Amino acid sequence: MLSSLMASLPDGLRYELILADDGSTDGTRDWLRDLDDTRIQKVLNAHNLGYAKTNNIAAAHAKGEYLGLLNNDLVFKPGWLEPMMAALRDPALNAGIVGNLQFRVADHALDHAGVVLTPRGQFDHLRIEQDDPTQPARVYVATGACMLMRKADFDALGGFDEVFVNGCEDIDLCLKMRAAGKEIYVAPSSRILHHVSLSRSRTSLQNERNSQYLYAKWRKEIKLQLIKCWVALLAQGQSAYE
């Protein structure tokens, strides 16, 4: 991930990388110790704190205007950052968070083009490309695996809600950003590869707790979005929703 990231960043870009190790025991710390680059900071947790707390700690070290949150199982190619930055900087879009298209490493199938609330009331990845790949697409939510925002906005929102443990934190952050009056976008011309949930299980009691907290916290907002979803389906007739 790191080698592809550094090779893909635009020439002349002033940046810092903050690598947060969340209590790993697989030799990662030895590898980190050998990294010698002035642009890299290392945050070493004494024990595992989870995604929300660890990202909040790492973000507190960031000095730049823009904050990019990147999972450790991504693979980058040149050209992924520029479309995301352009969307975030476009005043006409009023963008708070910008994501991108993510393709599975295993088979290169599209895994993320945004996150939608389904008619069943569940959050799921949108896996259909937009009609115009040159224009940013407004979406309901974007995954935290790769997202860009202004650090001032992240700080103003209080970062990630640390009640969540390895799940739903990114949905909650996007909903907080929308509640603050800004929009969520995906830049379809930004494309990366993702191993997809390589470092955690999606089926666990903790995931149930995360979901229960998310739906309780955002009950009114989620009900409103679900109504919009069903109004659109009902307007299309029985064949669309049966």
Protein backbone atom coordinates (compact mmCIF):
# COMPACT_ATOMS: atom_id res chain seq x y z
CA MET A 1 0.00 0.00 0.00
CA LEU A 2 2.69 2.50 1.03
CA SER A 3 4.91 2.02 -1.99
CA SER A 4 1.99 2.40 -4.43
CA LEU A 5 0.73 5.44 -2.52
CA MET A 6 4.04 7.32 -2.59
CA ALA A 7 4.62 6.44 -6.24
CA SER A 8 1.17 7.71 -7.21
CA LEU A 9 1.19 11.13 -5.54
CA PRO A 10 1.55 14.13 -7.90
CA ASP A 11 5.00 15.62 -8.44
CA GLY A 12 5.59 18.68 -6.30
CA LEU A 13 2.84 17.86 -3.82
CA ARG A 14 3.63 18.92 -0.26
CA TYR A 15 2.34 16.14 1.97
CA GLU A 16 2.83 14.19 5.16
CA LEU A 17 1.95 10.56 5.84
CA ILE A 18 0.81 9.50 9.29
CA LEU A 19 0.98 5.73 9.72
CA ALA A 20 -1.01 4.57 12.74
CA ASP A 21 -0.20 1.13 14.09
CA ASP A 22 -3.09 -0.08 16.24
CA GLY A 23 -1.24 -2.52 18.49
CA SER A 24 -0.14 -4.89 15.74
CA THR A 25 1.70 -8.12 16.60
CA ASP A 26 2.59 -9.33 13.09
CA GLY A 27 5.97 -7.66 12.60
CA THR A 28 4.56 -4.39 11.29
CA ARG A 29 6.27 -2.38 14.02
CA ASP A 30 9.67 -3.72 13.05
CA TRP A 31 8.93 -2.75 9.46
CA LEU A 32 7.82 0.73 10.55
CA ARG A 33 10.97 1.18 12.60
CA ASP A 34 13.06 0.74 9.47
CA LEU A 35 11.14 3.36 7.47
CA ASP A 36 13.35 6.42 7.12
CA ASP A 37 11.49 9.27 5.43
CA THR A 38 10.98 12.76 6.86
CA ARG A 39 7.46 12.89 5.37
CA ILE A 40 6.34 9.91 7.45
CA GLN A 41 5.14 10.08 11.05
CA LYS A 42 4.50 6.95 13.07
CA VAL A 43 1.78 6.63 15.69
CA LEU A 44 2.16 3.48 17.80
CA ASN A 45 -0.76 2.51 20.04
CA ALA A 46 0.18 0.53 23.14
CA HIS A 47 -2.84 -1.72 22.49
CA ASN A 48 -5.62 -2.01 19.95
CA LEU A 49 -8.03 0.93 20.16
CA GLY A 50 -10.10 0.36 17.03
CA TYR A 51 -10.65 2.34 13.85
CA ALA A 52 -12.38 5.44 15.26
CA LYS A 53 -10.00 6.19 18.13
CA THR A 54 -6.89 5.40 16.11
CA ASN A 55 -7.90 7.64 13.21
CA ASN A 56 -8.77 10.45 15.60
CA ILE A 57 -5.36 10.16 17.24
CA ALA A 58 -3.59 10.12 13.87
CA ALA A 59 -5.64 13.06 12.54
CA ALA A 60 -4.67 15.12 15.58
CA HIS A 61 -1.06 14.93 14.35
CA ALA A 62 -1.93 16.22 10.87
CA LYS A 63 -0.75 19.72 10.00
CA GLY A 64 -2.10 20.04 6.45
CA GLU A 65 -5.25 21.74 5.18
CA TYR A 66 -6.62 18.54 3.68
CA LEU A 67 -7.01 15.18 5.36
CA GLY A 68 -7.02 11.89 3.49
CA LEU A 69 -8.11 8.74 5.33
CA LEU A 70 -6.70 5.59 3.75
CA ASN A 71 -7.08 1.94 4.70
CA ASN A 72 -3.97 -0.22 4.80
CA ASP A 73 -5.24 -2.66 2.14
CA LEU A 74 -5.44 -0.24 -0.81
CA VAL A 75 -3.39 -0.23 -4.01
CA PHE A 76 -2.95 3.09 -5.83
CA LYS A 77 -2.18 4.15 -9.39
CA PRO A 78 -1.21 7.65 -10.57
CA GLY A 79 -4.14 10.02 -11.06
CA TRP A 80 -6.33 8.96 -8.16
CA LEU A 81 -5.82 12.04 -5.95
CA GLU A 82 -6.28 14.92 -8.40
CA PRO A 83 -10.01 14.33 -9.18
CA MET A 84 -10.82 14.06 -5.48
CA MET A 85 -8.99 17.31 -4.72
CA ALA A 86 -10.71 19.07 -7.62
CA ALA A 87 -14.14 18.05 -6.34
CA LEU A 88 -13.35 19.11 -2.78
CA ARG A 89 -12.06 22.50 -3.95
CA ASP A 90 -14.97 23.26 -6.30
CA PRO A 91 -17.09 25.87 -4.47
CA ALA A 92 -20.13 25.05 -6.59
CA LEU A 93 -20.25 21.51 -5.19
CA ASN A 94 -20.16 22.43 -1.49
CA ALA A 95 -18.35 19.15 -0.87
CA GLY A 96 -17.60 18.07 2.66
CA ILE A 97 -16.30 14.56 1.91
CA VAL A 98 -15.11 13.09 -1.39
CA GLY A 99 -14.68 9.37 -2.05
CA ASN A 100 -13.82 7.44 -5.20
CA LEU A 101 -14.40 4.24 -7.14
CA GLN A 102 -12.86 1.16 -5.56
CA PHE A 103 -12.30 -2.10 -7.39
CA ARG A 104 -11.60 -5.44 -5.74
CA VAL A 105 -8.01 -6.61 -6.04
CA ALA A 106 -9.13 -10.24 -6.47
CA ASP A 107 -11.20 -9.80 -9.64
CA HIS A 108 -11.17 -6.05 -10.41
CA ALA A 109 -14.95 -5.90 -9.97
CA LEU A 110 -16.36 -2.56 -8.85
CA ASP A 111 -16.96 -2.69 -5.09
CA HIS A 112 -17.71 0.95 -4.22
CA ALA A 113 -19.19 3.89 -6.11
CA GLY A 114 -20.83 5.34 -3.02
CA VAL A 115 -23.10 3.99 -0.30
CA VAL A 116 -26.89 3.93 -0.51
CA LEU A 117 -29.74 3.12 1.85
CA THR A 118 -31.63 0.22 0.29
CA PRO A 119 -35.43 -0.20 0.33
CA ARG A 120 -34.90 -2.77 3.11
CA GLY A 121 -33.36 -0.04 5.28
CA GLN A 122 -29.81 -1.35 4.99
CA PHE A 123 -26.66 0.49 3.97
CA ASP A 124 -24.92 -1.08 0.98
CA HIS A 125 -22.25 -0.16 -1.53
CA LEU A 126 -23.38 1.18 -4.88
CA ARG A 127 -21.69 -1.00 -7.50
CA ILE A 128 -22.78 0.76 -10.70
CA GLU A 129 -20.65 3.37 -12.44
CA GLN A 130 -22.07 6.83 -13.07
CA ASP A 131 -23.25 7.82 -16.56
CA ASP A 132 -20.68 10.63 -16.78
CA PRO A 133 -17.31 9.50 -15.41
CA THR A 134 -15.88 13.01 -15.69
CA GLN A 135 -18.27 14.65 -13.22
CA PRO A 136 -18.35 14.17 -9.43
CA ALA A 137 -21.47 12.29 -8.35
CA ARG A 138 -23.36 13.25 -5.21
CA VAL A 139 -23.97 10.21 -3.02
CA TYR A 140 -25.64 9.56 0.31
CA VAL A 141 -22.50 8.20 2.02
CA ALA A 142 -18.95 7.24 1.03
CA THR A 143 -16.77 4.57 2.58
CA GLY A 144 -13.97 5.55 4.94
CA ALA A 145 -11.55 3.22 3.17
CA CYS A 146 -10.49 6.19 1.04
CA MET A 147 -11.98 9.62 1.68
CA LEU A 148 -10.78 13.21 1.47
CA MET A 149 -11.97 16.24 3.44
CA ARG A 150 -10.76 19.48 4.96
CA LYS A 151 -9.12 18.92 8.32
CA ALA A 152 -11.03 21.90 9.73
CA ASP A 153 -14.31 20.14 8.91
CA PHE A 154 -13.15 16.87 10.46
CA ASP A 155 -12.15 18.71 13.63
CA ALA A 156 -15.39 20.73 13.73
CA LEU A 157 -17.39 17.49 13.62
CA GLY A 158 -15.37 16.04 16.49
CA GLY A 159 -13.82 13.42 14.20
CA PHE A 160 -15.14 9.87 14.42
CA ASP A 161 -17.61 8.90 17.13
CA GLU A 162 -15.53 6.57 19.31
CA VAL A 163 -18.58 4.63 20.51
CA PHE A 164 -18.32 2.76 17.21
CA VAL A 165 -15.74 -0.03 17.14
CA ASN A 166 -14.55 -1.08 13.67
CA GLY A 167 -17.80 -0.46 11.83
CA CYS A 168 -20.26 2.33 10.84
CA GLU A 169 -17.86 5.12 11.82
CA ASP A 170 -17.61 6.34 8.21
CA ILE A 171 -21.41 6.32 7.74
CA ASP A 172 -21.81 8.32 10.92
CA LEU A 173 -19.14 10.83 9.84
CA CYS A 174 -20.85 11.35 6.48
CA LEU A 175 -24.22 11.85 8.15
CA LYS A 176 -22.65 14.38 10.52
CA MET A 177 -21.15 16.21 7.53
CA ARG A 178 -24.52 16.27 5.76
CA ALA A 179 -26.19 17.55 8.94
CA ALA A 180 -23.60 20.34 9.02
CA GLY A 181 -24.78 21.46 5.57
CA LYS A 182 -22.18 19.95 3.24
CA GLU A 183 -22.51 17.26 0.57
CA ILE A 184 -20.87 13.88 0.00
CA TYR A 185 -19.43 13.07 -3.42
CA VAL A 186 -17.61 10.35 -5.31
CA ALA A 187 -15.08 11.35 -7.96
CA PRO A 188 -15.60 8.61 -10.59
CA SER A 189 -12.37 9.33 -12.45
CA SER A 190 -10.46 8.49 -9.26
CA ARG A 191 -9.97 4.72 -9.26
CA ILE A 192 -8.09 2.52 -6.82
CA LEU A 193 -7.86 -1.15 -5.87
CA HIS A 194 -9.02 -2.49 -2.50
CA HIS A 195 -8.54 -5.88 -0.88
CA VAL A 196 -11.90 -5.28 0.94
CA SER A 197 -12.23 -6.10 4.65
CA LEU A 198 -8.93 -7.93 4.73
CA SER A 199 -8.23 -6.91 8.32
CA ARG A 200 -11.61 -7.46 9.98
CA SER A 201 -14.67 -9.70 10.02
CA ARG A 202 -18.00 -8.25 8.90
CA THR A 203 -20.10 -10.77 10.82
CA SER A 204 -19.80 -10.32 14.56
CA LEU A 205 -21.69 -9.27 17.66
CA GLN A 206 -19.74 -6.00 17.59
CA ASN A 207 -21.11 -5.25 14.12
CA GLU A 208 -24.62 -5.71 15.53
CA ARG A 209 -23.83 -3.26 18.33
CA ASN A 210 -22.44 -0.74 15.83
CA SER A 211 -25.57 -1.01 13.69
CA GLN A 212 -27.91 -0.65 16.66
CA TYR A 213 -26.10 2.49 17.80
CA LEU A 214 -26.06 3.97 14.27
CA TYR A 215 -29.79 3.42 13.71
CA ALA A 216 -30.67 4.76 17.15
CA LYS A 217 -28.49 7.85 16.73
CA TRP A 218 -29.77 8.67 13.23
CA ARG A 219 -33.29 7.23 13.43
CA LYS A 220 -35.07 10.34 12.13
CA GLU A 221 -32.58 10.92 9.28
CA ILE A 222 -32.59 7.26 8.21
CA LYS A 223 -36.42 7.10 8.26
CA LEU A 224 -36.59 10.21 6.08
CA GLN A 225 -34.10 8.79 3.58
CA LEU A 226 -36.00 5.49 3.51
CA ILE A 227 -39.23 7.36 2.77
CA LYS A 228 -37.54 9.08 -0.18
CA CYS A 229 -36.33 5.71 -1.43
CA TRP A 230 -39.80 4.17 -1.30
CA VAL A 231 -41.56 7.20 -2.79
CA ALA A 232 -39.30 6.86 -5.83
CA LEU A 233 -39.99 3.12 -6.09
CA LEU A 234 -43.75 3.49 -5.72
CA ALA A 235 -43.80 6.15 -8.42
CA GLN A 236 -42.30 3.63 -10.87
CA GLY A 237 -45.06 1.08 -10.36
CA GLN A 238 -45.30 -2.40 -8.95
CA SER A 239 -42.65 -3.93 -11.21
CA ALA A 240 -40.01 -1.64 -9.61
CA TYR A 241 -40.65 -2.61 -6.01
CA GLU A 242 -42.35 -6.00 -5.78
